[in-house]
């Protein structure tokens, strides 16, 4: 296992949301490998409860939750409650369907309601880059 622990993000609290228990645990393990503390939720309701109960600093949300586009809905509610909280959506939608989403422009980020998009499968180094960028942007704001 590659050590990707980064003192800049070590100890920061991330929320990981996925209705697939195996994927949820895999995402959580990847973020812990980066040095983050992790809270998990297997539903939209659980994610919102965790958001209300903890000082979450980053949300990593799967696109497909209880609904095929549930990650967009959850991201919307996260941003309504905590507008500066960075949200990273992960998905296999492009891999499986050919639909392409990204967050390169402000308009795309407004439409998706997330700060970054990371297509799965990805390498943990790609996840690390996205997490670092999101947490640095939040610190600079």
C-alpha atoms as a PDB file:
ATOM      1  CA  UNK A   1       0.000   0.000   0.000  1.00  0.00           C
ATOM      2  CA  UNK A   2       1.351   3.395  -1.004  1.00  0.00           C
ATOM      3  CA  UNK A   3       1.703   5.925   1.826  1.00  0.00           C
ATOM      4  CA  UNK A   4      -0.126   9.013   0.663  1.00  0.00           C
ATOM      5  CA  UNK A   5      -0.554  10.564   4.102  1.00  0.00           C
ATOM      6  CA  UNK A   6      -0.186  14.320   3.793  1.00  0.00           C
ATOM      7  CA  UNK A   7       0.410  16.579   6.783  1.00  0.00           C
ATOM      8  CA  UNK A   8      -1.638  19.299   5.078  1.00  0.00           C
ATOM      9  CA  UNK A   9      -4.807  17.191   5.177  1.00  0.00           C
ATOM     10  CA  UNK A  10      -4.057  14.763   8.003  1.00  0.00           C
ATOM     11  CA  UNK A  11      -6.783  14.694  10.628  1.00  0.00           C
ATOM     12  CA  UNK A  12      -9.353  16.630   8.558  1.00  0.00           C
ATOM     13  CA  UNK A  13     -12.869  15.153   8.732  1.00  0.00           C
ATOM     14  CA  UNK A  14     -14.446  13.731   5.582  1.00  0.00           C
ATOM     15  CA  UNK A  15     -17.949  12.387   5.040  1.00  0.00           C
ATOM     16  CA  UNK A  16     -18.235   9.491   2.579  1.00  0.00           C
ATOM     17  CA  UNK A  17     -21.659   8.610   1.203  1.00  0.00           C
ATOM     18  CA  UNK A  18     -22.552   5.508  -0.799  1.00  0.00           C
ATOM     19  CA  UNK A  19     -25.449   3.043  -0.594  1.00  0.00           C
ATOM     20  CA  UNK A  20     -23.145   0.184  -1.648  1.00  0.00           C
ATOM     21  CA  UNK A  21     -21.508  -1.022   1.586  1.00  0.00           C
ATOM     22  CA  UNK A  22     -18.409  -2.418  -0.166  1.00  0.00           C
ATOM     23  CA  UNK A  23     -17.847   0.792  -2.115  1.00  0.00           C
ATOM     24  CA  UNK A  24     -18.490   2.845   1.022  1.00  0.00           C
ATOM     25  CA  UNK A  25     -15.817   0.971   2.935  1.00  0.00           C
ATOM     26  CA  UNK A  26     -13.393   1.158   0.004  1.00  0.00           C
ATOM     27  CA  UNK A  27     -13.785   4.962  -0.264  1.00  0.00           C
ATOM     28  CA  UNK A  28     -13.420   5.323   3.501  1.00  0.00           C
ATOM     29  CA  UNK A  29     -10.246   3.209   3.484  1.00  0.00           C
ATOM     30  CA  UNK A  30      -8.766   5.282   0.645  1.00  0.00           C
ATOM     31  CA  UNK A  31      -9.396   8.520   2.532  1.00  0.00           C
ATOM     32  CA  UNK A  32      -7.960   7.084   5.743  1.00  0.00           C
ATOM     33  CA  UNK A  33      -4.877   6.101   3.738  1.00  0.00           C
ATOM     34  CA  UNK A  34      -4.530   9.813   2.928  1.00  0.00           C
ATOM     35  CA  UNK A  35      -4.605  10.638   6.645  1.00  0.00           C
ATOM     36  CA  UNK A  36      -8.179  11.872   6.868  1.00  0.00           C
ATOM     37  CA  UNK A  37     -10.632  11.060   9.625  1.00  0.00           C
ATOM     38  CA  UNK A  38     -13.762   9.553   8.067  1.00  0.00           C
ATOM     39  CA  UNK A  39     -17.467   9.412   8.859  1.00  0.00           C
ATOM     40  CA  UNK A  40     -19.593   7.201   6.612  1.00  0.00           C
ATOM     41  CA  UNK A  41     -23.250   7.254   5.633  1.00  0.00           C
ATOM     42  CA  UNK A  42     -25.151   4.676   3.590  1.00  0.00           C
ATOM     43  CA  UNK A  43     -28.084   6.969   2.745  1.00  0.00           C
ATOM     44  CA  UNK A  44     -28.985  10.562   2.011  1.00  0.00           C
ATOM     45  CA  UNK A  45     -30.727  10.888   5.375  1.00  0.00           C
ATOM     46  CA  UNK A  46     -27.690   9.465   7.161  1.00  0.00           C
ATOM     47  CA  UNK A  47     -25.418  11.886   5.328  1.00  0.00           C
ATOM     48  CA  UNK A  48     -27.515  14.901   6.303  1.00  0.00           C
ATOM     49  CA  UNK A  49     -27.638  13.724   9.921  1.00  0.00           C
ATOM     50  CA  UNK A  50     -23.838  13.359   9.970  1.00  0.00           C
ATOM     51  CA  UNK A  51     -23.488  16.795   8.407  1.00  0.00           C
ATOM     52  CA  UNK A  52     -25.633  18.294  11.173  1.00  0.00           C
ATOM     53  CA  UNK A  53     -23.829  16.409  13.945  1.00  0.00           C
ATOM     54  CA  UNK A  54     -20.175  16.871  12.961  1.00  0.00           C
ATOM     55  CA  UNK A  55     -17.827  19.542  11.618  1.00  0.00           C
ATOM     56  CA  UNK A  56     -17.355  17.837   8.262  1.00  0.00           C
ATOM     57  CA  UNK A  57     -14.641  19.452   6.107  1.00  0.00           C
ATOM     58  CA  UNK A  58     -15.134  17.471   2.890  1.00  0.00           C
ATOM     59  CA  UNK A  59     -17.954  15.364   1.420  1.00  0.00           C
ATOM     60  CA  UNK A  60     -17.245  12.517  -1.001  1.00  0.00           C
ATOM     61  CA  UNK A  61     -20.554  11.462  -2.526  1.00  0.00           C
ATOM     62  CA  UNK A  62     -21.394   8.664  -4.956  1.00  0.00           C
ATOM     63  CA  UNK A  63     -23.717   9.798  -7.747  1.00  0.00           C
ATOM     64  CA  UNK A  64     -26.013   6.753  -7.547  1.00  0.00           C
ATOM     65  CA  UNK A  65     -27.598   6.632  -4.096  1.00  0.00           C
ATOM     66  CA  UNK A  66     -31.244   5.769  -3.424  1.00  0.00           C
ATOM     67  CA  UNK A  67     -32.005   7.264  -6.856  1.00  0.00           C
ATOM     68  CA  UNK A  68     -29.839   7.110 -10.003  1.00  0.00           C
ATOM     69  CA  UNK A  69     -28.980  10.802  -9.596  1.00  0.00           C
ATOM     70  CA  UNK A  70     -29.226  10.962  -5.802  1.00  0.00           C
ATOM     71  CA  UNK A  71     -25.709  12.340  -5.464  1.00  0.00           C
ATOM     72  CA  UNK A  72     -26.767  15.503  -7.265  1.00  0.00           C
ATOM     73  CA  UNK A  73     -29.700  15.911  -4.876  1.00  0.00           C
ATOM     74  CA  UNK A  74     -27.553  15.274  -1.815  1.00  0.00           C
ATOM     75  CA  UNK A  75     -24.916  17.703  -3.058  1.00  0.00           C
ATOM     76  CA  UNK A  76     -27.644  20.336  -3.477  1.00  0.00           C
ATOM     77  CA  UNK A  77     -28.775  19.860   0.136  1.00  0.00           C
ATOM     78  CA  UNK A  78     -25.193  19.902   1.417  1.00  0.00           C
ATOM     79  CA  UNK A  79     -24.522  23.200  -0.366  1.00  0.00           C
ATOM     80  CA  UNK A  80     -27.791  24.686   0.951  1.00  0.00           C
ATOM     81  CA  UNK A  81     -26.713  23.881   4.521  1.00  0.00           C
ATOM     82  CA  UNK A  82     -22.987  24.497   4.175  1.00  0.00           C
ATOM     83  CA  UNK A  83     -22.192  26.512   1.014  1.00  0.00           C
ATOM     84  CA  UNK A  84     -18.411  26.438   1.520  1.00  0.00           C
ATOM     85  CA  UNK A  85     -18.164  22.696   2.209  1.00  0.00           C
ATOM     86  CA  UNK A  86     -16.265  21.060  -0.665  1.00  0.00           C
ATOM     87  CA  UNK A  87     -18.192  18.263  -2.390  1.00  0.00           C
ATOM     88  CA  UNK A  88     -16.549  15.637  -4.586  1.00  0.00           C
ATOM     89  CA  UNK A  89     -18.896  13.398  -6.569  1.00  0.00           C
ATOM     90  CA  UNK A  90     -17.587  10.013  -7.698  1.00  0.00           C
ATOM     91  CA  UNK A  91     -19.273   7.817 -10.274  1.00  0.00           C
ATOM     92  CA  UNK A  92     -18.924   5.207 -12.974  1.00  0.00           C
ATOM     93  CA  UNK A  93     -21.545   6.920 -15.153  1.00  0.00           C
ATOM     94  CA  UNK A  94     -19.142   7.851 -17.963  1.00  0.00           C
ATOM     95  CA  UNK A  95     -17.483   4.435 -17.829  1.00  0.00           C
ATOM     96  CA  UNK A  96     -20.846   2.640 -17.962  1.00  0.00           C
ATOM     97  CA  UNK A  97     -23.016   4.918 -20.097  1.00  0.00           C
ATOM     98  CA  UNK A  98     -20.784   7.345 -21.968  1.00  0.00           C
ATOM     99  CA  UNK A  99     -22.484  10.360 -20.337  1.00  0.00           C
ATOM    100  CA  UNK A 100     -19.810  12.877 -19.478  1.00  0.00           C
ATOM    101  CA  UNK A 101     -19.933  15.222 -16.496  1.00  0.00           C
ATOM    102  CA  UNK A 102     -17.231  17.539 -15.236  1.00  0.00           C
ATOM    103  CA  UNK A 103     -16.704  20.587 -13.053  1.00  0.00           C
ATOM    104  CA  UNK A 104     -14.230  22.607 -15.087  1.00  0.00           C
ATOM    105  CA  UNK A 105     -16.404  25.718 -15.302  1.00  0.00           C
ATOM    106  CA  UNK A 106     -18.415  27.622 -12.711  1.00  0.00           C
ATOM    107  CA  UNK A 107     -21.574  26.920 -14.725  1.00  0.00           C
ATOM    108  CA  UNK A 108     -20.941  23.161 -14.618  1.00  0.00           C
ATOM    109  CA  UNK A 109     -20.273  23.302 -10.874  1.00  0.00           C
ATOM    110  CA  UNK A 110     -23.537  25.214 -10.321  1.00  0.00           C
ATOM    111  CA  UNK A 111     -25.489  22.678 -12.364  1.00  0.00           C
ATOM    112  CA  UNK A 112     -23.922  19.632 -10.719  1.00  0.00           C
ATOM    113  CA  UNK A 113     -23.911  21.296  -7.264  1.00  0.00           C
ATOM    114  CA  UNK A 114     -20.472  19.873  -6.579  1.00  0.00           C
ATOM    115  CA  UNK A 115     -16.960  21.280  -6.614  1.00  0.00           C
ATOM    116  CA  UNK A 116     -15.247  18.357  -8.325  1.00  0.00           C
ATOM    117  CA  UNK A 117     -16.139  15.214 -10.253  1.00  0.00           C
ATOM    118  CA  UNK A 118     -14.013  12.064 -10.172  1.00  0.00           C
ATOM    119  CA  UNK A 119     -14.846   9.246 -12.543  1.00  0.00           C
ATOM    120  CA  UNK A 120     -14.358   5.708 -11.248  1.00  0.00           C
ATOM    121  CA  UNK A 121     -12.358   3.641 -11.553  1.00  0.00           C
ATOM    122  CA  UNK A 122      -9.591   5.944 -10.405  1.00  0.00           C
ATOM    123  CA  UNK A 123      -6.202   5.562  -8.807  1.00  0.00           C
ATOM    124  CA  UNK A 124      -5.874   6.573  -5.172  1.00  0.00           C
ATOM    125  CA  UNK A 125      -3.295   9.153  -6.289  1.00  0.00           C
ATOM    126  CA  UNK A 126      -6.030  10.843  -8.354  1.00  0.00           C
ATOM    127  CA  UNK A 127      -8.303  10.902  -5.312  1.00  0.00           C
ATOM    128  CA  UNK A 128      -5.469  12.374  -3.243  1.00  0.00           C
ATOM    129  CA  UNK A 129      -4.957  15.172  -5.786  1.00  0.00           C
ATOM    130  CA  UNK A 130      -8.667  16.073  -5.780  1.00  0.00           C
ATOM    131  CA  UNK A 131      -8.897  16.017  -1.977  1.00  0.00           C
ATOM    132  CA  UNK A 132      -5.833  18.232  -1.605  1.00  0.00           C
ATOM    133  CA  UNK A 133      -7.159  20.737  -4.146  1.00  0.00           C
ATOM    134  CA  UNK A 134     -10.567  20.906  -2.479  1.00  0.00           C
ATOM    135  CA  UNK A 135      -9.178  21.341   1.020  1.00  0.00           C
ATOM    136  CA  UNK A 136      -6.641  23.950  -0.140  1.00  0.00           C
ATOM    137  CA  UNK A 137      -9.372  25.896  -1.959  1.00  0.00           C
ATOM    138  CA  UNK A 138     -11.517  25.798   1.178  1.00  0.00           C
ATOM    139  CA  UNK A 139      -8.642  27.026   3.350  1.00  0.00           C
ATOM    140  CA  UNK A 140      -7.922  29.862   0.902  1.00  0.00           C
ATOM    141  CA  UNK A 141     -11.563  31.029   0.834  1.00  0.00           C
END
